[in-house]
Amino acid sequence: MSETERRLAAILSADAAGFSLLMNQDEQAAHRTLKSEREVIDAAIARHHGRIVGTAGDSVLAEVDADPEAQRACGARGGGGERALEI
């Protein structure tokens, strides 16, 4: 019988706040902004040995290492500030 590898993981569920409003105002800009933000988020997930489980529109569902540093890095896009979208 083979031994099953186990690891502790965290689930990341992110959604772009304000995406629908931005889509109504300027659809092309909304897609460009979302693509740019997703590149950063996807890279952070990959850097921390995570994997994207699924996406739908402006949301992403991923699994990342359960260590706090990985969780902070993958969730670091929140807070919006000057961004058009807040993840």
N, C-alpha and C. Protein backbone atom coordinates (compact mmCIF):
# COMPACT_ATOMS: atom_id res chain seq x y z
N MET A 1 0.85 -1.17 0.00
CA MET A 1 0.00 0.00 0.00
C MET A 1 0.89 1.24 0.00
N SER A 2 0.58 2.21 -0.86
CA SER A 2 1.37 3.43 -0.93
C SER A 2 0.93 4.40 0.16
N GLU A 3 1.90 5.19 0.60
CA GLU A 3 1.63 6.18 1.64
C GLU A 3 1.12 7.46 0.99
N THR A 4 0.08 8.05 1.55
CA THR A 4 -0.48 9.29 1.04
C THR A 4 0.28 10.48 1.60
N GLU A 5 0.65 11.40 0.73
CA GLU A 5 1.32 12.62 1.18
C GLU A 5 0.26 13.59 1.69
N ARG A 6 0.51 14.14 2.87
CA ARG A 6 -0.42 15.10 3.45
C ARG A 6 0.30 16.41 3.68
N ARG A 7 -0.44 17.49 3.52
CA ARG A 7 0.11 18.81 3.82
C ARG A 7 -1.03 19.72 4.24
N LEU A 8 -0.68 20.69 5.03
CA LEU A 8 -1.66 21.66 5.49
C LEU A 8 -1.76 22.77 4.45
N ALA A 9 -2.96 23.11 4.03
CA ALA A 9 -3.16 24.12 3.00
C ALA A 9 -4.25 25.09 3.43
N ALA A 10 -4.25 26.23 2.78
CA ALA A 10 -5.29 27.25 3.00
C ALA A 10 -6.01 27.49 1.68
N ILE A 11 -7.27 27.80 1.75
CA ILE A 11 -8.05 28.10 0.56
C ILE A 11 -8.17 29.61 0.41
N LEU A 12 -7.84 30.09 -0.79
CA LEU A 12 -7.93 31.51 -1.10
C LEU A 12 -9.09 31.71 -2.07
N SER A 13 -10.02 32.54 -1.70
CA SER A 13 -11.13 32.91 -2.56
C SER A 13 -11.10 34.43 -2.71
N ALA A 14 -10.87 34.90 -3.93
CA ALA A 14 -10.75 36.34 -4.16
C ALA A 14 -11.73 36.79 -5.23
N ASP A 15 -12.24 37.97 -5.05
CA ASP A 15 -13.19 38.56 -5.97
C ASP A 15 -12.83 40.03 -6.13
N ALA A 16 -12.93 40.55 -7.33
CA ALA A 16 -12.59 41.95 -7.58
C ALA A 16 -13.77 42.85 -7.26
N ALA A 17 -13.66 43.59 -6.17
CA ALA A 17 -14.71 44.53 -5.79
C ALA A 17 -14.74 45.67 -6.80
N GLY A 18 -15.91 46.05 -7.23
CA GLY A 18 -16.04 47.16 -8.16
C GLY A 18 -15.92 46.77 -9.62
N PHE A 19 -15.77 45.48 -9.91
CA PHE A 19 -15.58 45.05 -11.29
C PHE A 19 -16.82 45.32 -12.15
N SER A 20 -17.99 45.03 -11.64
CA SER A 20 -19.21 45.26 -12.42
C SER A 20 -19.39 46.74 -12.75
N LEU A 21 -19.12 47.60 -11.79
CA LEU A 21 -19.22 49.04 -12.02
C LEU A 21 -18.22 49.47 -13.10
N LEU A 22 -16.98 48.99 -12.98
CA LEU A 22 -15.97 49.34 -13.97
C LEU A 22 -16.36 48.80 -15.35
N MET A 23 -16.94 47.62 -15.40
CA MET A 23 -17.40 47.05 -16.68
C MET A 23 -18.45 47.95 -17.31
N ASN A 24 -19.35 48.48 -16.50
CA ASN A 24 -20.38 49.38 -17.02
C ASN A 24 -19.79 50.70 -17.53
N GLN A 25 -18.71 51.15 -16.90
CA GLN A 25 -18.11 52.41 -17.28
C GLN A 25 -17.20 52.27 -18.50
N ASP A 26 -16.38 51.21 -18.52
CA ASP A 26 -15.40 51.02 -19.59
C ASP A 26 -14.97 49.56 -19.63
N GLU A 27 -15.63 48.79 -20.48
CA GLU A 27 -15.42 47.34 -20.53
C GLU A 27 -13.96 46.97 -20.86
N GLN A 28 -13.37 47.66 -21.82
CA GLN A 28 -11.99 47.33 -22.19
C GLN A 28 -11.02 47.62 -21.05
N ALA A 29 -11.21 48.74 -20.39
CA ALA A 29 -10.35 49.08 -19.25
C ALA A 29 -10.53 48.06 -18.12
N ALA A 30 -11.75 47.61 -17.91
CA ALA A 30 -12.02 46.62 -16.87
C ALA A 30 -11.26 45.33 -17.15
N HIS A 31 -11.29 44.88 -18.39
CA HIS A 31 -10.57 43.65 -18.75
C HIS A 31 -9.06 43.82 -18.62
N ARG A 32 -8.54 44.96 -19.03
CA ARG A 32 -7.09 45.22 -18.90
C ARG A 32 -6.67 45.23 -17.43
N THR A 33 -7.46 45.91 -16.61
CA THR A 33 -7.15 46.01 -15.18
C THR A 33 -7.21 44.65 -14.52
N LEU A 34 -8.24 43.88 -14.82
CA LEU A 34 -8.39 42.55 -14.23
C LEU A 34 -7.23 41.66 -14.66
N LYS A 35 -6.86 41.71 -15.93
CA LYS A 35 -5.75 40.90 -16.42
C LYS A 35 -4.46 41.24 -15.68
N SER A 36 -4.20 42.52 -15.50
CA SER A 36 -3.00 42.98 -14.80
C SER A 36 -2.98 42.49 -13.34
N GLU A 37 -4.10 42.66 -12.65
CA GLU A 37 -4.20 42.22 -11.25
C GLU A 37 -4.06 40.71 -11.14
N ARG A 38 -4.68 39.97 -12.06
CA ARG A 38 -4.60 38.51 -12.02
C ARG A 38 -3.18 38.01 -12.25
N GLU A 39 -2.41 38.70 -13.10
CA GLU A 39 -1.02 38.29 -13.32
C GLU A 39 -0.23 38.34 -12.01
N VAL A 40 -0.46 39.39 -11.22
CA VAL A 40 0.23 39.54 -9.93
C VAL A 40 -0.23 38.46 -8.95
N ILE A 41 -1.54 38.26 -8.86
CA ILE A 41 -2.09 37.28 -7.93
C ILE A 41 -1.66 35.86 -8.32
N ASP A 42 -1.76 35.54 -9.61
CA ASP A 42 -1.36 34.21 -10.08
C ASP A 42 0.11 33.93 -9.78
N ALA A 43 0.96 34.94 -9.96
CA ALA A 43 2.40 34.77 -9.68
C ALA A 43 2.63 34.53 -8.19
N ALA A 44 1.90 35.25 -7.34
CA ALA A 44 2.04 35.05 -5.89
C ALA A 44 1.60 33.65 -5.49
N ILE A 45 0.53 33.18 -6.07
CA ILE A 45 0.05 31.82 -5.79
C ILE A 45 1.11 30.81 -6.20
N ALA A 46 1.66 30.94 -7.39
CA ALA A 46 2.68 30.01 -7.89
C ALA A 46 3.94 30.05 -7.04
N ARG A 47 4.37 31.26 -6.64
CA ARG A 47 5.58 31.42 -5.82
C ARG A 47 5.48 30.66 -4.50
N HIS A 48 4.27 30.52 -4.01
CA HIS A 48 4.06 29.86 -2.73
C HIS A 48 3.48 28.46 -2.90
N HIS A 49 3.86 27.83 -4.00
CA HIS A 49 3.49 26.43 -4.27
C HIS A 49 2.00 26.19 -4.22
N GLY A 50 1.25 27.18 -4.66
CA GLY A 50 -0.20 27.05 -4.69
C GLY A 50 -0.66 26.60 -6.06
N ARG A 51 -1.94 26.41 -6.16
CA ARG A 51 -2.53 26.06 -7.46
C ARG A 51 -3.91 26.69 -7.56
N ILE A 52 -4.21 27.16 -8.75
CA ILE A 52 -5.52 27.74 -9.00
C ILE A 52 -6.49 26.59 -9.26
N VAL A 53 -7.53 26.54 -8.46
CA VAL A 53 -8.53 25.48 -8.58
C VAL A 53 -9.57 25.85 -9.62
N GLY A 54 -9.93 27.13 -9.66
CA GLY A 54 -10.93 27.57 -10.63
C GLY A 54 -11.04 29.08 -10.68
N THR A 55 -11.61 29.56 -11.77
CA THR A 55 -11.88 30.98 -11.93
C THR A 55 -13.26 31.13 -12.55
N ALA A 56 -13.87 32.26 -12.29
CA ALA A 56 -15.15 32.59 -12.90
C ALA A 56 -15.26 34.10 -12.95
N GLY A 57 -15.23 34.64 -14.14
CA GLY A 57 -15.32 36.10 -14.27
C GLY A 57 -14.19 36.79 -13.55
N ASP A 58 -14.52 37.55 -12.52
CA ASP A 58 -13.51 38.31 -11.78
C ASP A 58 -13.09 37.64 -10.48
N SER A 59 -13.38 36.36 -10.32
CA SER A 59 -13.02 35.68 -9.08
C SER A 59 -12.03 34.54 -9.34
N VAL A 60 -11.31 34.18 -8.29
CA VAL A 60 -10.35 33.08 -8.37
C VAL A 60 -10.43 32.27 -7.08
N LEU A 61 -10.33 30.96 -7.21
CA LEU A 61 -10.30 30.04 -6.08
C LEU A 61 -8.98 29.29 -6.17
N ALA A 62 -8.19 29.34 -5.10
CA ALA A 62 -6.87 28.72 -5.12
C ALA A 62 -6.57 28.04 -3.80
N GLU A 63 -5.60 27.14 -3.86
CA GLU A 63 -5.08 26.46 -2.69
C GLU A 63 -3.63 26.92 -2.53
N VAL A 64 -3.25 27.35 -1.33
CA VAL A 64 -1.88 27.80 -1.07
C VAL A 64 -1.36 27.14 0.20
N ASP A 65 -0.03 27.19 0.37
CA ASP A 65 0.55 26.68 1.61
C ASP A 65 -0.10 27.36 2.80
N ALA A 66 -0.24 26.62 3.88
CA ALA A 66 -0.90 27.17 5.07
C ALA A 66 0.00 28.08 5.89
N ASP A 67 1.26 28.21 5.48
CA ASP A 67 2.14 29.08 6.28
C ASP A 67 1.70 30.54 6.13
N PRO A 68 1.76 31.30 7.21
CA PRO A 68 1.24 32.67 7.22
C PRO A 68 1.87 33.57 6.15
N GLU A 69 3.15 33.39 5.85
CA GLU A 69 3.80 34.22 4.83
C GLU A 69 3.15 34.02 3.46
N ALA A 70 2.86 32.80 3.11
CA ALA A 70 2.19 32.51 1.83
C ALA A 70 0.81 33.13 1.80
N GLN A 71 0.10 33.03 2.89
CA GLN A 71 -1.25 33.60 2.94
C GLN A 71 -1.21 35.12 2.82
N ARG A 72 -0.26 35.76 3.48
CA ARG A 72 -0.14 37.22 3.38
C ARG A 72 0.21 37.63 1.96
N ALA A 73 1.16 36.93 1.35
CA ALA A 73 1.60 37.28 0.00
C ALA A 73 0.47 37.14 -1.01
N CYS A 74 -0.31 36.10 -0.88
CA CYS A 74 -1.38 35.86 -1.85
C CYS A 74 -2.57 36.77 -1.62
N GLY A 75 -2.73 37.28 -0.43
CA GLY A 75 -3.84 38.18 -0.14
C GLY A 75 -3.44 39.64 -0.11
N ALA A 76 -2.22 39.94 -0.50
CA ALA A 76 -1.68 41.29 -0.35
C ALA A 76 -2.28 42.30 -1.31
N ARG A 77 -3.11 41.91 -2.24
CA ARG A 77 -3.66 42.85 -3.20
C ARG A 77 -4.88 43.57 -2.65
N GLY A 78 -5.40 43.15 -1.52
CA GLY A 78 -6.56 43.83 -0.95
C GLY A 78 -6.22 45.25 -0.52
N GLY A 79 -7.22 46.02 -0.28
CA GLY A 79 -6.99 47.37 0.20
C GLY A 79 -7.06 48.45 -0.85
N GLY A 80 -7.10 48.05 -2.09
CA GLY A 80 -7.35 48.96 -3.19
C GLY A 80 -6.50 50.17 -3.33
N GLY A 81 -6.59 51.10 -2.42
CA GLY A 81 -5.84 52.34 -2.54
C GLY A 81 -6.20 53.06 -3.83
N GLU A 82 -5.21 53.25 -4.71
CA GLU A 82 -5.44 53.95 -5.97
C GLU A 82 -5.92 53.03 -7.09
N ARG A 83 -6.01 51.76 -6.81
CA ARG A 83 -6.41 50.80 -7.84
C ARG A 83 -7.86 50.99 -8.25
N ALA A 84 -8.15 50.63 -9.50
CA ALA A 84 -9.52 50.66 -9.97
C ALA A 84 -10.30 49.49 -9.39
N LEU A 85 -9.61 48.37 -9.14
CA LEU A 85 -10.23 47.18 -8.57
C LEU A 85 -9.60 46.85 -7.24
N GLU A 86 -10.39 46.39 -6.31
CA GLU A 86 -9.90 45.95 -5.02
C GLU A 86 -10.10 44.46 -4.94
N ILE A 87 -9.02 43.72 -4.77
CA ILE A 87 -9.10 42.26 -4.71
C ILE A 87 -9.18 41.82 -3.27
